[in-house]
C-alpha cells in the first residue's frame, strides 16, 4: 500500500514537472508562455512595419470613387493603373532612377572599399596614436552633419562638386561617407577574428603585407562586404537632406543637376501641378501620391528580397564567429 502511494506521488511529481517545463520551458527549450509572448511581440512589430506598406499598395491602386467611398477600406473595387502611369510621368522615373543609382551605388562602393582598408589597419597593426585616431573616427560619427554643412557646401562649390556625384563620391573615397564609422567597425570586428597564427604562417612563407591582406584577410570578410554595401546603399538612398543641399538644390543654377527618387517625392505635389498645368483637372489625390511612394520604395524592396538570403547568411556568420 505504501509503495503504491509513493509510486503515485512520484508519477504526480513527474507530471507536474513536465507540465511546468511545458509552460515555462527549460534550459534547452522555451516553454509555451515564452513562445506565446514572443509570437505576440513579433506579430505586433510585424504589423507596425507592414501596415504602411500595405496601406501604400492598397491606396495606390484605388480610383477616385474608391477614395471617396467610406465602405472601401483596403480592397479597391477596381484596379486603377492610371495612378502609377501619372506617378511615373511626374517622377520622370527612368532618368531619375539612373541618377539615383549613380548617386547611391558609386559612393557605397567607395565607402566599402575605404572602410575595409581602415578596419584592417586598426585590427591588424599597432601604431602610435591609434587611440587618438579611434577617437577622431568616433567623433566623425557623433558630430552631426548640420555642423559641417556650411563649410562643406562652400568647399564643394569652390571645387565644382555641387550638383554632381562628386559631392558624395569624393567624401566617401576619403573615408567621410554617410556613417562610415559603423562600416569601419563592422570590418574591424571581422578582421579581428582572423587567427594571428594564420597571418604569422603566411608571413613565414614569404607573404608581405599586401599578399596577406589580399589572400588571407579579404576572403575571410566576404560577409562584411555584403553587410557594408547593403547598409551604405540604404543610407545613401534614403538621404534627402544633404542630397537636396549638395545635389538637387534649385538655387545652384545648374540645369543639369542630379536628383534622387526620394527628393523627387518630396517635391511630388509641385511637380505634378507643373506637369498638369493648363489641364482642366490638376488636383492631386491620395492614390496618385501613394503610387509615387510605392515607386520610390519598390527598387529598395526588390534589392532586399533579392539579397536577403546573403544578408541573413552574413549576419549568421558574424554571430558564429563571435
Protein backbone atom coordinates (compact mmCIF):
# COMPACT_ATOMS: atom_id res chain seq x y z
CA UNK A 1 0.00 0.00 0.00
CA UNK A 2 2.82 2.37 0.95
CA UNK A 3 4.66 1.53 -2.27
CA UNK A 4 1.57 2.34 -4.33
CA UNK A 5 1.23 5.70 -2.61
CA UNK A 6 4.89 6.52 -3.20
CA UNK A 7 4.60 5.46 -6.84
CA UNK A 8 1.50 7.60 -7.42
CA UNK A 9 3.20 10.55 -5.73
CA UNK A 10 6.29 10.10 -7.89
CA UNK A 11 4.17 9.99 -11.05
CA UNK A 12 2.30 13.07 -9.90
CA UNK A 13 5.56 14.94 -9.30
CA UNK A 14 6.83 13.93 -12.74
CA UNK A 15 3.63 15.10 -14.38
CA UNK A 16 3.84 18.40 -12.54
CA UNK A 17 7.48 18.79 -13.60
CA UNK A 18 6.60 18.05 -17.25
CA UNK A 19 3.69 20.44 -17.14
CA UNK A 20 5.90 23.14 -15.59
CA UNK A 21 8.53 22.61 -18.30
CA UNK A 22 5.81 22.70 -20.94
CA UNK A 23 4.62 26.08 -19.68
CA UNK A 24 7.85 27.72 -18.51
CA UNK A 25 10.41 25.77 -20.53
CA UNK A 26 13.87 24.62 -19.60
CA UNK A 27 17.48 25.48 -20.38
CA UNK A 28 17.27 23.64 -23.70
CA UNK A 29 13.80 24.68 -24.88
CA UNK A 30 11.45 27.61 -24.40
CA UNK A 31 8.09 27.00 -22.83
CA UNK A 32 4.59 27.71 -24.09
CA UNK A 33 4.28 31.03 -22.22
CA UNK A 34 7.60 32.36 -23.55
CA UNK A 35 6.77 31.28 -27.10
CA UNK A 36 3.31 32.83 -26.87
CA UNK A 37 4.68 36.16 -25.65
CA UNK A 38 7.40 36.03 -28.32
CA UNK A 39 4.90 35.48 -31.12
CA UNK A 40 2.65 38.25 -29.78
CA UNK A 41 5.58 40.71 -29.84
CA UNK A 42 6.62 39.57 -33.33
CA UNK A 43 3.07 39.96 -34.65
CA UNK A 44 2.80 43.47 -33.18
CA UNK A 45 6.17 44.52 -34.63
CA UNK A 46 5.29 42.98 -38.00
CA UNK A 47 2.01 44.87 -38.05
CA UNK A 48 3.77 48.16 -37.27
CA UNK A 49 6.20 47.64 -40.15
CA UNK A 50 3.80 46.11 -42.67
CA UNK A 51 0.84 48.44 -42.15
CA UNK A 52 2.38 51.43 -44.03
CA UNK A 53 3.42 49.18 -46.94
CA UNK A 54 0.00 47.55 -47.19
CA UNK A 55 -1.68 50.94 -47.00
CA UNK A 56 0.54 52.34 -49.76
CA UNK A 57 -0.06 49.45 -52.15
CA UNK A 58 -3.79 49.30 -51.41
CA UNK A 59 -4.38 53.04 -51.79
CA UNK A 60 -2.14 53.30 -54.85
CA UNK A 61 -4.49 51.06 -56.87
CA UNK A 62 -7.69 52.85 -55.83
CA UNK A 63 -9.77 55.03 -58.13
CA UNK A 64 -11.25 58.36 -57.10
CA UNK A 65 -14.60 56.67 -56.50
CA UNK A 66 -12.98 54.25 -54.05
CA UNK A 67 -11.23 57.10 -52.22
CA UNK A 68 -14.49 58.95 -51.54
CA UNK A 69 -16.40 55.75 -50.72
CA UNK A 70 -16.25 55.16 -46.97
CA UNK A 71 -17.19 51.50 -47.40
CA UNK A 72 -13.94 50.80 -49.31
CA UNK A 73 -11.13 50.42 -46.81
CA UNK A 74 -8.42 48.06 -48.05
CA UNK A 75 -9.51 46.24 -51.19
CA UNK A 76 -10.35 48.51 -54.16
CA UNK A 77 -13.43 47.71 -56.19
CA UNK A 78 -11.36 48.01 -59.38
CA UNK A 79 -7.64 48.15 -60.06
CA UNK A 80 -6.62 51.61 -61.29
CA UNK A 81 -3.23 51.59 -63.06
CA UNK A 82 -3.62 55.20 -64.19
CA UNK A 83 -2.31 56.35 -60.78
CA UNK A 84 1.03 54.67 -61.41
CA UNK A 85 1.12 55.95 -65.00
CA UNK A 86 0.75 59.53 -63.79
CA UNK A 87 3.27 58.97 -61.00
CA UNK A 88 5.80 57.57 -63.49
CA UNK A 89 5.42 60.69 -65.63
CA UNK A 90 5.66 63.09 -62.70
CA UNK A 91 8.69 61.32 -61.23
CA UNK A 92 10.40 61.00 -64.64
CA UNK A 93 11.13 57.54 -63.29
CA UNK A 94 13.60 56.26 -65.89
CA UNK A 95 16.01 59.20 -65.77
CA UNK A 96 15.69 59.79 -62.03
CA UNK A 97 16.23 56.10 -61.26
CA UNK A 98 19.50 56.12 -63.20
CA UNK A 99 20.61 59.25 -61.36
CA UNK A 100 19.61 57.69 -58.03
CA UNK A 101 21.64 54.56 -58.76
CA UNK A 102 24.63 56.69 -59.70
CA UNK A 103 24.33 58.73 -56.51
CA UNK A 104 23.99 55.64 -54.30
CA UNK A 105 25.96 52.77 -55.83
CA UNK A 106 29.18 54.67 -56.61
CA UNK A 107 29.57 56.28 -53.15
CA UNK A 108 28.55 52.98 -51.49
CA UNK A 109 31.28 51.09 -53.36
CA UNK A 110 33.89 53.74 -52.49
CA UNK A 111 32.78 53.74 -48.86
CA UNK A 112 33.00 49.96 -48.52
CA UNK A 113 36.48 49.89 -50.08
CA UNK A 114 37.89 52.63 -47.86
CA UNK A 115 36.24 51.28 -44.69
CA UNK A 116 37.68 47.85 -45.47
CA UNK A 117 41.22 49.25 -45.57
CA UNK A 118 40.64 51.34 -42.45
CA UNK A 119 39.15 48.46 -40.48
CA UNK A 120 42.04 46.19 -41.47
CA UNK A 121 44.60 48.78 -40.37
CA UNK A 122 43.01 49.16 -36.94
CA UNK A 123 42.60 45.40 -36.46
CA UNK A 124 45.98 44.29 -37.79
CA UNK A 125 48.51 46.91 -36.74
CA UNK A 126 49.53 48.65 -33.52
CA UNK A 127 50.88 52.14 -34.08
CA UNK A 128 51.41 55.34 -32.13
CA UNK A 129 48.32 57.44 -31.79
CA UNK A 130 45.96 54.55 -32.52
CA UNK A 131 43.68 55.53 -29.64
CA UNK A 132 43.60 59.13 -30.82
CA UNK A 133 42.72 58.00 -34.33
CA UNK A 134 39.88 55.90 -32.90
CA UNK A 135 38.67 58.98 -31.04
CA UNK A 136 38.63 61.09 -34.21
CA UNK A 137 36.83 58.28 -36.02
CA UNK A 138 34.11 58.15 -33.37
CA UNK A 139 33.92 61.95 -33.38
CA UNK A 140 33.05 61.99 -37.09
CA UNK A 141 30.08 59.76 -36.26
CA UNK A 142 28.92 61.73 -33.22
CA UNK A 143 29.30 65.13 -34.90
CA UNK A 144 26.04 65.95 -36.73
CA UNK A 145 26.24 66.67 -40.45
CA UNK A 146 24.49 70.02 -39.91
CA UNK A 147 27.56 71.27 -38.02
CA UNK A 148 29.81 70.89 -41.07
CA UNK A 149 27.20 71.55 -43.76
CA UNK A 150 28.08 75.21 -44.43
CA UNK A 151 31.87 74.83 -44.76
CA UNK A 152 31.40 71.68 -46.85
CA UNK A 153 28.97 73.48 -49.16
CA UNK A 154 31.40 76.38 -49.65
CA UNK A 155 34.25 73.95 -50.32
CA UNK A 156 32.23 71.85 -52.76
CA UNK A 157 31.04 74.98 -54.54
CA UNK A 158 34.62 76.16 -54.98
CA UNK A 159 35.67 72.74 -56.29
CA UNK A 160 32.67 72.47 -58.60
CA UNK A 161 31.17 69.43 -56.88
CA UNK A 162 27.71 70.92 -56.31
CA UNK A 163 25.08 69.21 -58.43
CA UNK A 164 27.30 66.24 -59.32
CA UNK A 165 28.01 62.81 -57.91
CA UNK A 166 31.42 64.08 -56.74
CA UNK A 167 29.73 65.70 -53.73
CA UNK A 168 29.08 62.19 -52.38
CA UNK A 169 31.78 60.12 -54.10
CA UNK A 170 34.82 62.18 -53.06
CA UNK A 171 34.00 62.26 -49.29
CA UNK A 172 33.25 58.52 -49.44
CA UNK A 173 36.60 57.92 -51.13
CA UNK A 174 38.29 59.88 -48.33
CA UNK A 175 36.53 57.93 -45.58
CA UNK A 176 33.88 60.55 -44.84
CA UNK A 177 30.82 58.87 -46.33
CA UNK A 178 27.47 58.50 -44.57
CA UNK A 179 28.05 56.67 -41.26
CA UNK A 180 31.42 55.35 -42.41
CA UNK A 181 32.33 54.72 -38.78
CA UNK A 182 29.77 51.90 -38.50
CA UNK A 183 31.04 50.19 -41.65
CA UNK A 184 34.62 50.54 -40.38
CA UNK A 185 33.65 48.92 -37.08
CA UNK A 186 32.00 46.03 -38.94
CA UNK A 187 35.21 45.36 -40.88
CA UNK A 188 37.24 45.80 -37.71
CA UNK A 189 35.20 43.09 -35.97
CA UNK A 190 35.59 40.69 -38.87
CA UNK A 191 39.32 41.29 -39.29
CA UNK A 192 39.88 40.95 -35.53
CA UNK A 193 38.55 37.38 -35.69
CA UNK A 194 41.21 36.21 -38.15
CA UNK A 195 43.70 33.94 -36.42
CA UNK A 196 47.06 35.61 -35.82
CA UNK A 197 48.79 32.26 -36.27
CA UNK A 198 47.40 32.09 -39.80
CA UNK A 199 48.85 35.50 -40.61
CA UNK A 200 52.19 34.62 -39.00
CA UNK A 201 52.36 31.39 -41.00
CA UNK A 202 51.75 33.33 -44.21
CA UNK A 203 54.44 35.82 -43.26
CA UNK A 204 56.93 32.99 -42.68
CA UNK A 205 56.10 31.65 -46.14
CA UNK A 206 57.24 34.96 -47.60
CA UNK A 207 53.93 36.81 -47.91
CA UNK A 208 54.21 40.56 -47.45
CA UNK A 209 51.59 42.87 -46.02
CA UNK A 210 49.67 43.22 -49.29
CA UNK A 211 49.66 39.48 -50.01
CA UNK A 212 48.41 38.71 -46.51
CA UNK A 213 45.65 41.27 -46.99
CA UNK A 214 44.70 40.03 -50.46
CA UNK A 215 44.92 36.25 -49.99
CA UNK A 216 44.05 35.75 -46.30
CA UNK A 217 42.18 38.75 -44.94
CA UNK A 218 39.88 39.61 -47.84
CA UNK A 219 38.49 36.08 -48.45
CA UNK A 220 37.57 35.92 -44.76
CA UNK A 221 35.39 39.04 -44.76
CA UNK A 222 33.02 38.47 -47.68
CA UNK A 223 30.11 38.77 -45.27
CA UNK A 224 31.34 42.20 -44.15
CA UNK A 225 31.33 43.42 -47.75
CA UNK A 226 27.70 42.37 -48.18
CA UNK A 227 26.62 43.98 -44.91
CA UNK A 228 28.61 47.16 -45.55
CA UNK A 229 27.38 47.58 -49.12
CA UNK A 230 23.71 46.99 -48.25
CA UNK A 231 23.83 49.41 -45.33
CA UNK A 232 25.66 52.06 -47.38
CA UNK A 233 23.24 51.65 -50.27
CA UNK A 234 20.23 52.15 -48.00
CA UNK A 235 21.78 55.17 -46.24
CA UNK A 236 22.64 56.95 -49.48
CA UNK A 237 19.26 56.03 -50.98
CA UNK A 238 17.30 57.41 -48.02
CA UNK A 239 19.35 60.59 -47.59
CA UNK A 240 17.27 63.57 -48.65
CA UNK A 241 18.58 66.47 -46.55
CA UNK A 242 22.16 66.57 -47.82
CA UNK A 243 21.05 65.47 -51.28
CA UNK A 244 18.73 68.46 -51.51
CA UNK A 245 21.56 70.81 -50.49
CA UNK A 246 24.56 69.42 -52.36
CA UNK A 247 22.96 67.70 -55.35
CA UNK A 248 19.42 68.87 -56.08
CA UNK A 249 19.48 72.44 -54.78
CA UNK A 250 17.32 74.54 -57.09
CA UNK A 251 19.43 77.62 -56.37
CA UNK A 252 22.71 76.23 -57.68
CA UNK A 253 21.95 77.47 -61.15
CA UNK A 254 22.82 74.19 -62.83
CA UNK A 255 20.14 72.93 -65.15
CA UNK A 256 21.85 69.52 -65.34
CA UNK A 257 21.95 68.99 -61.57
CA UNK A 258 21.07 65.49 -60.41
CA UNK A 259 18.36 64.29 -58.07
CA UNK A 260 17.06 61.11 -56.44
CA UNK A 261 13.69 59.42 -56.25
CA UNK A 262 13.10 60.39 -52.62
CA UNK A 263 13.99 64.03 -53.26
CA UNK A 264 11.67 63.95 -56.26
CA UNK A 265 8.98 62.53 -53.98
CA UNK A 266 9.32 65.44 -51.56
CA UNK A 267 8.60 67.76 -54.49
CA UNK A 268 5.93 65.49 -55.94
CA UNK A 269 2.99 67.85 -55.49
CA UNK A 270 4.77 70.80 -57.11
CA UNK A 271 5.99 68.61 -59.99
CA UNK A 272 2.50 67.20 -60.50
CA UNK A 273 0.90 70.64 -60.73
CA UNK A 274 3.64 71.82 -63.07
CA UNK A 275 3.19 68.82 -65.36
CA UNK A 276 -0.59 69.20 -65.45
CA UNK A 277 -0.58 72.98 -65.77
CA UNK A 278 -3.21 74.06 -68.29
CA UNK A 279 -5.28 70.90 -67.92
CA UNK A 280 -8.81 71.08 -66.68
CA UNK A 281 -8.23 69.00 -63.54
CA UNK A 282 -4.79 69.17 -61.95
CA UNK A 283 -5.79 68.07 -58.44
CA UNK A 284 -3.50 65.59 -56.72
CA UNK A 285 -5.41 62.83 -54.93
CA UNK A 286 -4.13 60.46 -52.28
CA UNK A 287 -3.98 57.48 -54.64
CA UNK A 288 -1.53 59.18 -57.00
CA UNK A 289 0.60 60.28 -54.04
CA UNK A 290 0.70 56.73 -52.68
CA UNK A 291 1.54 55.38 -56.15
CA UNK A 292 4.54 57.72 -56.25
CA UNK A 293 5.62 56.49 -52.83
CA UNK A 294 5.37 52.86 -53.95
CA UNK A 295 7.53 53.66 -56.99
CA UNK A 296 10.20 55.16 -54.72
CA UNK A 297 10.41 52.23 -52.29
CA UNK A 298 9.95 49.45 -54.84
CA UNK A 299 13.60 49.36 -56.03
CA UNK A 300 14.86 49.06 -52.45
CA UNK A 301 12.34 46.33 -51.68
CA UNK A 302 13.46 44.47 -54.81
CA UNK A 303 17.11 44.69 -53.74
CA UNK A 304 16.22 43.49 -50.25
CA UNK A 305 14.24 40.46 -51.44
CA UNK A 306 16.99 39.59 -53.94
CA UNK A 307 19.81 39.83 -51.38
CA UNK A 308 18.11 38.96 -48.10
CA UNK A 309 19.46 35.40 -48.29
CA UNK A 310 23.04 36.64 -48.47
CA UNK A 311 22.39 39.29 -45.84
CA UNK A 312 20.97 36.79 -43.34
CA UNK A 313 23.85 34.41 -44.02
CA UNK A 314 26.30 37.26 -43.40
CA UNK A 315 24.72 38.14 -40.07
CA UNK A 316 24.69 34.44 -39.08
CA UNK A 317 28.37 34.14 -39.94
CA UNK A 318 29.15 37.15 -37.80
CA UNK A 319 27.22 35.61 -34.92
CA UNK A 320 29.01 32.28 -35.27
CA UNK A 321 32.42 33.91 -35.30
CA UNK A 322 31.63 35.79 -32.11
